[in-house]
Amino acid sequence: MSKIIDQPVLMVAEKEIPKRFFWFKRWVNVSKVIDRWKEIGRWWEGDAEKVFFRILSPEGGVYEVYTEKKHWNLYKVYD
């Protein structure tokens, strides 16, 4: 199961690859990028391209984050 969060997070990234993010009063480290893809959304309404990452934390948590115009959001948390 997963839960959609879609909230801004403070992200530390190197060369646009997520390394750790701050969520729920703690830093979550990234041990592996599982997948990466792009979505355009409603381009006819001016939506910008989003770059999504499915990431794994050292504790085993799986998250989806995306960047849009250099802003980062935590999109989804997997149980």
PDB file of N, CA and C in Angstrom:
ATOM      1  N   MET A   1       0.833  -1.189   0.000  1.00  0.00           N
ATOM      2  CA  MET A   1       0.000   0.000   0.000  1.00  0.00           C
ATOM      3  C   MET A   1       0.868   1.239   0.000  1.00  0.00           C
ATOM      4  N   SER A   2       0.260   2.333  -0.377  1.00  0.00           N
ATOM      5  CA  SER A   2       0.980   3.601  -0.382  1.00  0.00           C
ATOM      6  C   SER A   2       0.033   4.721   0.041  1.00  0.00           C
ATOM      7  N   LYS A   3       0.644   5.825   0.432  1.00  0.00           N
ATOM      8  CA  LYS A   3      -0.121   6.992   0.851  1.00  0.00           C
ATOM      9  C   LYS A   3       0.416   8.205   0.101  1.00  0.00           C
ATOM     10  N   ILE A   4      -0.460   8.957  -0.534  1.00  0.00           N
ATOM     11  CA  ILE A   4      -0.049  10.156  -1.249  1.00  0.00           C
ATOM     12  C   ILE A   4       0.092  11.296  -0.249  1.00  0.00           C
ATOM     13  N   ILE A   5       1.256  11.924  -0.263  1.00  0.00           N
ATOM     14  CA  ILE A   5       1.564  13.038   0.634  1.00  0.00           C
ATOM     15  C   ILE A   5       1.537  14.356  -0.147  1.00  0.00           C
ATOM     16  N   ASP A   6       2.300  14.427  -1.214  1.00  0.00           N
ATOM     17  CA  ASP A   6       2.438  15.580  -2.120  1.00  0.00           C
ATOM     18  C   ASP A   6       2.635  16.899  -1.371  1.00  0.00           C
ATOM     19  N   GLN A   7       3.704  16.951  -0.564  1.00  0.00           N
ATOM     20  CA  GLN A   7       4.060  18.147   0.192  1.00  0.00           C
ATOM     21  C   GLN A   7       5.512  18.522  -0.083  1.00  0.00           C
ATOM     22  N   PRO A   8       5.818  19.816  -0.026  1.00  0.00           N
ATOM     23  CA  PRO A   8       7.208  20.247  -0.223  1.00  0.00           C
ATOM     24  C   PRO A   8       8.122  19.693   0.866  1.00  0.00           C
ATOM     25  N   VAL A   9       9.351  19.358   0.471  1.00  0.00           N
ATOM     26  CA  VAL A   9      10.366  18.900   1.419  1.00  0.00           C
ATOM     27  C   VAL A   9      11.684  19.595   1.107  1.00  0.00           C
ATOM     28  N   LEU A  10      12.509  19.689   2.122  1.00  0.00           N
ATOM     29  CA  LEU A  10      13.865  20.187   1.950  1.00  0.00           C
ATOM     30  C   LEU A  10      14.702  19.010   1.468  1.00  0.00           C
ATOM     31  N   MET A  11      15.330  19.160   0.290  1.00  0.00           N
ATOM     32  CA  MET A  11      16.065  18.062  -0.329  1.00  0.00           C
ATOM     33  C   MET A  11      17.528  18.432  -0.478  1.00  0.00           C
ATOM     34  N   VAL A  12      18.389  17.483  -0.193  1.00  0.00           N
ATOM     35  CA  VAL A  12      19.814  17.598  -0.506  1.00  0.00           C
ATOM     36  C   VAL A  12      20.028  16.688  -1.703  1.00  0.00           C
ATOM     37  N   ALA A  13      20.468  17.270  -2.809  1.00  0.00           N
ATOM     38  CA  ALA A  13      20.669  16.503  -4.037  1.00  0.00           C
ATOM     39  C   ALA A  13      22.041  16.824  -4.609  1.00  0.00           C
ATOM     40  N   GLU A  14      22.611  15.846  -5.296  1.00  0.00           N
ATOM     41  CA  GLU A  14      23.871  16.031  -6.014  1.00  0.00           C
ATOM     42  C   GLU A  14      23.620  15.728  -7.481  1.00  0.00           C
ATOM     43  N   LYS A  15      23.885  16.708  -8.334  1.00  0.00           N
ATOM     44  CA  LYS A  15      23.637  16.567  -9.776  1.00  0.00           C
ATOM     45  C   LYS A  15      22.204  16.137 -10.042  1.00  0.00           C
ATOM     46  N   GLU A  16      21.279  16.748  -9.308  1.00  0.00           N
ATOM     47  CA  GLU A  16      19.833  16.520  -9.424  1.00  0.00           C
ATOM     48  C   GLU A  16      19.390  15.117  -9.022  1.00  0.00           C
ATOM     49  N   ILE A  17      20.230  14.393  -8.284  1.00  0.00           N
ATOM     50  CA  ILE A  17      19.883  13.077  -7.748  1.00  0.00           C
ATOM     51  C   ILE A  17      19.681  13.225  -6.243  1.00  0.00           C
ATOM     52  N   PRO A  18      18.509  12.815  -5.706  1.00  0.00           N
ATOM     53  CA  PRO A  18      18.254  12.976  -4.274  1.00  0.00           C
ATOM     54  C   PRO A  18      19.212  12.156  -3.415  1.00  0.00           C
ATOM     55  N   LYS A  19      19.709  12.788  -2.339  1.00  0.00           N
ATOM     56  CA  LYS A  19      20.612  12.128  -1.393  1.00  0.00           C
ATOM     57  C   LYS A  19      19.985  11.996  -0.007  1.00  0.00           C
ATOM     58  N   ARG A  20      19.216  13.001   0.407  1.00  0.00           N
ATOM     59  CA  ARG A  20      18.471  12.941   1.665  1.00  0.00           C
ATOM     60  C   ARG A  20      17.456  14.066   1.666  1.00  0.00           C
ATOM     61  N   PHE A  21      16.390  13.868   2.460  1.00  0.00           N
ATOM     62  CA  PHE A  21      15.354  14.898   2.559  1.00  0.00           C
ATOM     63  C   PHE A  21      14.844  14.971   3.984  1.00  0.00           C
ATOM     64  N   PHE A  22      14.300  16.129   4.315  1.00  0.00           N
ATOM     65  CA  PHE A  22      13.789  16.388   5.662  1.00  0.00           C
ATOM     66  C   PHE A  22      12.277  16.277   5.634  1.00  0.00           C
ATOM     67  N   TRP A  23      11.763  15.316   6.425  1.00  0.00           N
ATOM     68  CA  TRP A  23      10.317  15.096   6.481  1.00  0.00           C
ATOM     69  C   TRP A  23       9.943  14.571   7.856  1.00  0.00           C
ATOM     70  N   PHE A  24       8.887  15.094   8.404  1.00  0.00           N
ATOM     71  CA  PHE A  24       8.344  14.663   9.691  1.00  0.00           C
ATOM     72  C   PHE A  24       9.399  14.780  10.793  1.00  0.00           C
ATOM     73  N   LYS A  25      10.061  15.934  10.826  1.00  0.00           N
ATOM     74  CA  LYS A  25      11.026  16.312  11.863  1.00  0.00           C
ATOM     75  C   LYS A  25      12.287  15.446  11.898  1.00  0.00           C
ATOM     76  N   ARG A  26      12.656  14.853  10.743  1.00  0.00           N
ATOM     77  CA  ARG A  26      13.897  14.069  10.698  1.00  0.00           C
ATOM     78  C   ARG A  26      14.429  14.006   9.268  1.00  0.00           C
ATOM     79  N   TRP A  27      15.706  13.712   9.170  1.00  0.00           N
ATOM     80  CA  TRP A  27      16.331  13.523   7.868  1.00  0.00           C
ATOM     81  C   TRP A  27      16.173  12.074   7.441  1.00  0.00           C
ATOM     82  N   VAL A  28      15.794  11.873   6.197  1.00  0.00           N
ATOM     83  CA  VAL A  28      15.683  10.538   5.607  1.00  0.00           C
ATOM     84  C   VAL A  28      16.773  10.426   4.552  1.00  0.00           C
ATOM     85  N   ASN A  29      17.704   9.501   4.742  1.00  0.00           N
ATOM     86  CA  ASN A  29      18.784   9.285   3.785  1.00  0.00           C
ATOM     87  C   ASN A  29      18.313   8.402   2.643  1.00  0.00           C
ATOM     88  N   VAL A  30      18.941   8.572   1.495  1.00  0.00           N
ATOM     89  CA  VAL A  30      18.632   7.772   0.318  1.00  0.00           C
ATOM     90  C   VAL A  30      19.775   6.787   0.111  1.00  0.00           C
ATOM     91  N   SER A  31      19.463   5.502   0.139  1.00  0.00           N
ATOM     92  CA  SER A  31      20.506   4.502  -0.097  1.00  0.00           C
ATOM     93  C   SER A  31      20.526   4.052  -1.553  1.00  0.00           C
ATOM     94  N   LYS A  32      19.373   4.198  -2.243  1.00  0.00           N
ATOM     95  CA  LYS A  32      19.317   3.752  -3.638  1.00  0.00           C
ATOM     96  C   LYS A  32      18.178   4.443  -4.366  1.00  0.00           C
ATOM     97  N   VAL A  33      18.435   4.820  -5.621  1.00  0.00           N
ATOM     98  CA  VAL A  33      17.368   5.282  -6.510  1.00  0.00           C
ATOM     99  C   VAL A  33      16.878   4.045  -7.258  1.00  0.00           C
ATOM    100  N   ILE A  34      15.631   3.665  -7.014  1.00  0.00           N
ATOM    101  CA  ILE A  34      15.056   2.461  -7.617  1.00  0.00           C
ATOM    102  C   ILE A  34      14.612   2.724  -9.048  1.00  0.00           C
ATOM    103  N   ASP A  35      14.007   3.897  -9.274  1.00  0.00           N
ATOM    104  CA  ASP A  35      13.469   4.223 -10.592  1.00  0.00           C
ATOM    105  C   ASP A  35      13.456   5.727 -10.770  1.00  0.00           C
ATOM    106  N   ARG A  36      13.422   6.149 -12.034  1.00  0.00           N
ATOM    107  CA  ARG A  36      13.356   7.576 -12.377  1.00  0.00           C
ATOM    108  C   ARG A  36      12.526   7.705 -13.645  1.00  0.00           C
ATOM    109  N   TRP A  37      11.611   8.688 -13.675  1.00  0.00           N
ATOM    110  CA  TRP A  37      10.799   8.928 -14.860  1.00  0.00           C
ATOM    111  C   TRP A  37      10.332  10.374 -14.876  1.00  0.00           C
ATOM    112  N   LYS A  38       9.811  10.786 -16.029  1.00  0.00           N
ATOM    113  CA  LYS A  38       9.310  12.152 -16.199  1.00  0.00           C
ATOM    114  C   LYS A  38       7.830  12.126 -16.539  1.00  0.00           C
ATOM    115  N   GLU A  39       7.119  13.121 -16.028  1.00  0.00           N
ATOM    116  CA  GLU A  39       5.709  13.303 -16.344  1.00  0.00           C
ATOM    117  C   GLU A  39       5.479  14.758 -16.699  1.00  0.00           C
ATOM    118  N   ILE A  40       4.638  14.964 -17.678  1.00  0.00           N
ATOM    119  CA  ILE A  40       4.373  16.329 -18.126  1.00  0.00           C
ATOM    120  C   ILE A  40       3.136  16.909 -17.467  1.00  0.00           C
ATOM    121  N   GLY A  41       2.127  16.117 -17.228  1.00  0.00           N
ATOM    122  CA  GLY A  41       0.902  16.633 -16.616  1.00  0.00           C
ATOM    123  C   GLY A  41       0.051  17.372 -17.622  1.00  0.00           C
ATOM    124  N   ARG A  42      -0.647  18.384 -17.171  1.00  0.00           N
ATOM    125  CA  ARG A  42      -1.546  19.165 -18.040  1.00  0.00           C
ATOM    126  C   ARG A  42      -0.756  20.270 -18.744  1.00  0.00           C
ATOM    127  N   TRP A  43       0.020  19.891 -19.728  1.00  0.00           N
ATOM    128  CA  TRP A  43       0.862  20.848 -20.439  1.00  0.00           C
ATOM    129  C   TRP A  43       0.037  21.954 -21.074  1.00  0.00           C
ATOM    130  N   TRP A  44      -1.194  21.651 -21.475  1.00  0.00           N
ATOM    131  CA  TRP A  44      -2.054  22.646 -22.116  1.00  0.00           C
ATOM    132  C   TRP A  44      -2.509  23.713 -21.126  1.00  0.00           C
ATOM    133  N   GLU A  45      -2.348  23.435 -19.826  1.00  0.00           N
ATOM    134  CA  GLU A  45      -2.664  24.418 -18.791  1.00  0.00           C
ATOM    135  C   GLU A  45      -1.408  25.037 -18.197  1.00  0.00           C
ATOM    136  N   GLY A  46      -0.257  24.721 -18.783  1.00  0.00           N
ATOM    137  CA  GLY A  46       0.991  25.323 -18.335  1.00  0.00           C
ATOM    138  C   GLY A  46       1.751  24.538 -17.278  1.00  0.00           C
ATOM    139  N   ASP A  47       1.321  23.304 -16.981  1.00  0.00           N
ATOM    140  CA  ASP A  47       2.062  22.482 -16.021  1.00  0.00           C
ATOM    141  C   ASP A  47       3.483  22.247 -16.510  1.00  0.00           C
ATOM    142  N   ALA A  48       4.432  22.342 -15.608  1.00  0.00           N
ATOM    143  CA  ALA A  48       5.835  22.084 -15.936  1.00  0.00           C
ATOM    144  C   ALA A  48       6.113  20.583 -15.859  1.00  0.00           C
ATOM    145  N   GLU A  49       7.194  20.171 -16.497  1.00  0.00           N
ATOM    146  CA  GLU A  49       7.620  18.781 -16.424  1.00  0.00           C
ATOM    147  C   GLU A  49       8.096  18.449 -15.011  1.00  0.00           C
ATOM    148  N   LYS A  50       7.725  17.286 -14.525  1.00  0.00           N
ATOM    149  CA  LYS A  50       8.153  16.803 -13.218  1.00  0.00           C
ATOM    150  C   LYS A  50       9.054  15.593 -13.424  1.00  0.00           C
ATOM    151  N   VAL A  51      10.136  15.545 -12.653  1.00  0.00           N
ATOM    152  CA  VAL A  51      11.029  14.393 -12.679  1.00  0.00           C
ATOM    153  C   VAL A  51      10.828  13.645 -11.367  1.00  0.00           C
ATOM    154  N   PHE A  52      10.349  12.413 -11.473  1.00  0.00           N
ATOM    155  CA  PHE A  52      10.050  11.576 -10.312  1.00  0.00           C
ATOM    156  C   PHE A  52      11.189  10.616 -10.027  1.00  0.00           C
ATOM    157  N   PHE A  53      11.372  10.310  -8.738  1.00  0.00           N
ATOM    158  CA  PHE A  53      12.339   9.316  -8.287  1.00  0.00           C
ATOM    159  C   PHE A  53      11.649   8.414  -7.276  1.00  0.00           C
ATOM    160  N   ARG A  54      11.768   7.108  -7.451  1.00  0.00           N
ATOM    161  CA  ARG A  54      11.363   6.161  -6.406  1.00  0.00           C
ATOM    162  C   ARG A  54      12.655   5.790  -5.697  1.00  0.00           C
ATOM    163  N   ILE A  55      12.683   6.029  -4.386  1.00  0.00           N
ATOM    164  CA  ILE A  55      13.934   5.876  -3.640  1.00  0.00           C
ATOM    165  C   ILE A  55      13.755   4.940  -2.452  1.00  0.00           C
ATOM    166  N   LEU A  56      14.886   4.390  -2.010  1.00  0.00           N
ATOM    167  CA  LEU A  56      14.916   3.468  -0.892  1.00  0.00           C
ATOM    168  C   LEU A  56      15.787   4.067   0.200  1.00  0.00           C
ATOM    169  N   SER A  57      15.311   4.022   1.448  1.00  0.00           N
ATOM    170  CA  SER A  57      16.106   4.493   2.587  1.00  0.00           C
ATOM    171  C   SER A  57      16.864   3.313   3.185  1.00  0.00           C
ATOM    172  N   PRO A  58      17.931   3.565   3.941  1.00  0.00           N
ATOM    173  CA  PRO A  58      18.673   2.475   4.581  1.00  0.00           C
ATOM    174  C   PRO A  58      17.809   1.621   5.522  1.00  0.00           C
ATOM    175  N   GLU A  59      16.750   2.210   6.072  1.00  0.00           N
ATOM    176  CA  GLU A  59      15.855   1.479   6.976  1.00  0.00           C
ATOM    177  C   GLU A  59      14.828   0.626   6.222  1.00  0.00           C
ATOM    178  N   GLY A  60      14.809   0.728   4.908  1.00  0.00           N
ATOM    179  CA  GLY A  60      13.885  -0.059   4.108  1.00  0.00           C
ATOM    180  C   GLY A  60      12.652   0.683   3.640  1.00  0.00           C
ATOM    181  N   GLY A  61      12.526   1.964   3.974  1.00  0.00           N
ATOM    182  CA  GLY A  61      11.377   2.752   3.524  1.00  0.00           C
ATOM    183  C   GLY A  61      11.483   3.065   2.039  1.00  0.00           C
ATOM    184  N   VAL A  62      10.338   3.053   1.360  1.00  0.00           N
ATOM    185  CA  VAL A  62      10.279   3.383  -0.064  1.00  0.00           C
ATOM    186  C   VAL A  62       9.436   4.640  -0.213  1.00  0.00           C
ATOM    187  N   TYR A  63       9.976   5.604  -0.957  1.00  0.00           N
ATOM    188  CA  TYR A  63       9.337   6.907  -1.131  1.00  0.00           C
ATOM    189  C   TYR A  63       9.378   7.305  -2.601  1.00  0.00           C
ATOM    190  N   GLU A  64       8.440   8.155  -2.991  1.00  0.00           N
ATOM    191  CA  GLU A  64       8.509   8.807  -4.293  1.00  0.00           C
ATOM    192  C   GLU A  64       8.613  10.298  -4.058  1.00  0.00           C
ATOM    193  N   VAL A  65       9.587  10.907  -4.703  1.00  0.00           N
ATOM    194  CA  VAL A  65       9.774  12.351  -4.650  1.00  0.00           C
ATOM    195  C   VAL A  65       9.828  12.863  -6.078  1.00  0.00           C
ATOM    196  N   TYR A  66       9.534  14.138  -6.242  1.00  0.00           N
ATOM    197  CA  TYR A  66       9.697  14.725  -7.572  1.00  0.00           C
ATOM    198  C   TYR A  66      10.216  16.145  -7.448  1.00  0.00           C
ATOM    199  N   THR A  67      10.839  16.575  -8.528  1.00  0.00           N
ATOM    200  CA  THR A  67      11.312  17.950  -8.629  1.00  0.00           C
ATOM    201  C   THR A  67      10.602  18.627  -9.791  1.00  0.00           C
ATOM    202  N   GLU A  68      10.223  19.859  -9.549  1.00  0.00           N
ATOM    203  CA  GLU A  68       9.542  20.664 -10.551  1.00  0.00           C
ATOM    204  C   GLU A  68      10.056  22.093 -10.410  1.00  0.00           C
ATOM    205  N   LYS A  69      10.715  22.579 -11.420  1.00  0.00           N
ATOM    206  CA  LYS A  69      11.288  23.927 -11.399  1.00  0.00           C
ATOM    207  C   LYS A  69      12.186  24.135 -10.179  1.00  0.00           C
ATOM    208  N   LYS A  70      13.012  23.134  -9.876  1.00  0.00           N
ATOM    209  CA  LYS A  70      13.989  23.160  -8.785  1.00  0.00           C
ATOM    210  C   LYS A  70      13.375  23.129  -7.389  1.00  0.00           C
ATOM    211  N   HIS A  71      12.103  22.812  -7.286  1.00  0.00           N
ATOM    212  CA  HIS A  71      11.437  22.614  -6.003  1.00  0.00           C
ATOM    213  C   HIS A  71      11.156  21.125  -5.854  1.00  0.00           C
ATOM    214  N   TRP A  72      11.329  20.609  -4.635  1.00  0.00           N
ATOM    215  CA  TRP A  72      11.149  19.186  -4.375  1.00  0.00           C
ATOM    216  C   TRP A  72       9.893  18.926  -3.548  1.00  0.00           C
ATOM    217  N   ASN A  73       9.185  17.852  -3.889  1.00  0.00           N
ATOM    218  CA  ASN A  73       8.020  17.405  -3.134  1.00  0.00           C
ATOM    219  C   ASN A  73       8.157  15.919  -2.821  1.00  0.00           C
ATOM    220  N   LEU A  74       7.711  15.543  -1.630  1.00  0.00           N
ATOM    221  CA  LEU A  74       7.519  14.136  -1.306  1.00  0.00           C
ATOM    222  C   LEU A  74       6.137  13.795  -1.820  1.00  0.00           C
ATOM    223  N   TYR A  75       6.078  12.901  -2.793  1.00  0.00           N
ATOM    224  CA  TYR A  75       4.785  12.582  -3.419  1.00  0.00           C
ATOM    225  C   TYR A  75       4.090  11.407  -2.744  1.00  0.00           C
ATOM    226  N   LYS A  76       4.831  10.328  -2.484  1.00  0.00           N
ATOM    227  CA  LYS A  76       4.184   9.116  -2.000  1.00  0.00           C
ATOM    228  C   LYS A  76       5.089   8.378  -1.026  1.00  0.00           C
ATOM    229  N   VAL A  77       4.474   7.737  -0.033  1.00  0.00           N
ATOM    230  CA  VAL A  77       5.180   6.895   0.933  1.00  0.00           C
ATOM    231  C   VAL A  77       4.552   5.504   0.846  1.00  0.00           C
ATOM    232  N   TYR A  78       5.400   4.486   0.698  1.00  0.00           N
ATOM    233  CA  TYR A  78       4.929   3.105   0.637  1.00  0.00           C
ATOM    234  C   TYR A  78       5.012   2.460   2.019  1.00  0.00           C
ATOM    235  N   ASP A  79       4.009   1.657   2.343  1.00  0.00           N
ATOM    236  CA  ASP A  79       3.980   0.940   3.634  1.00  0.00           C
ATOM    237  C   ASP A  79       4.745  -0.368   3.517  1.00  0.00           C
TER     238      ASP A  79
END
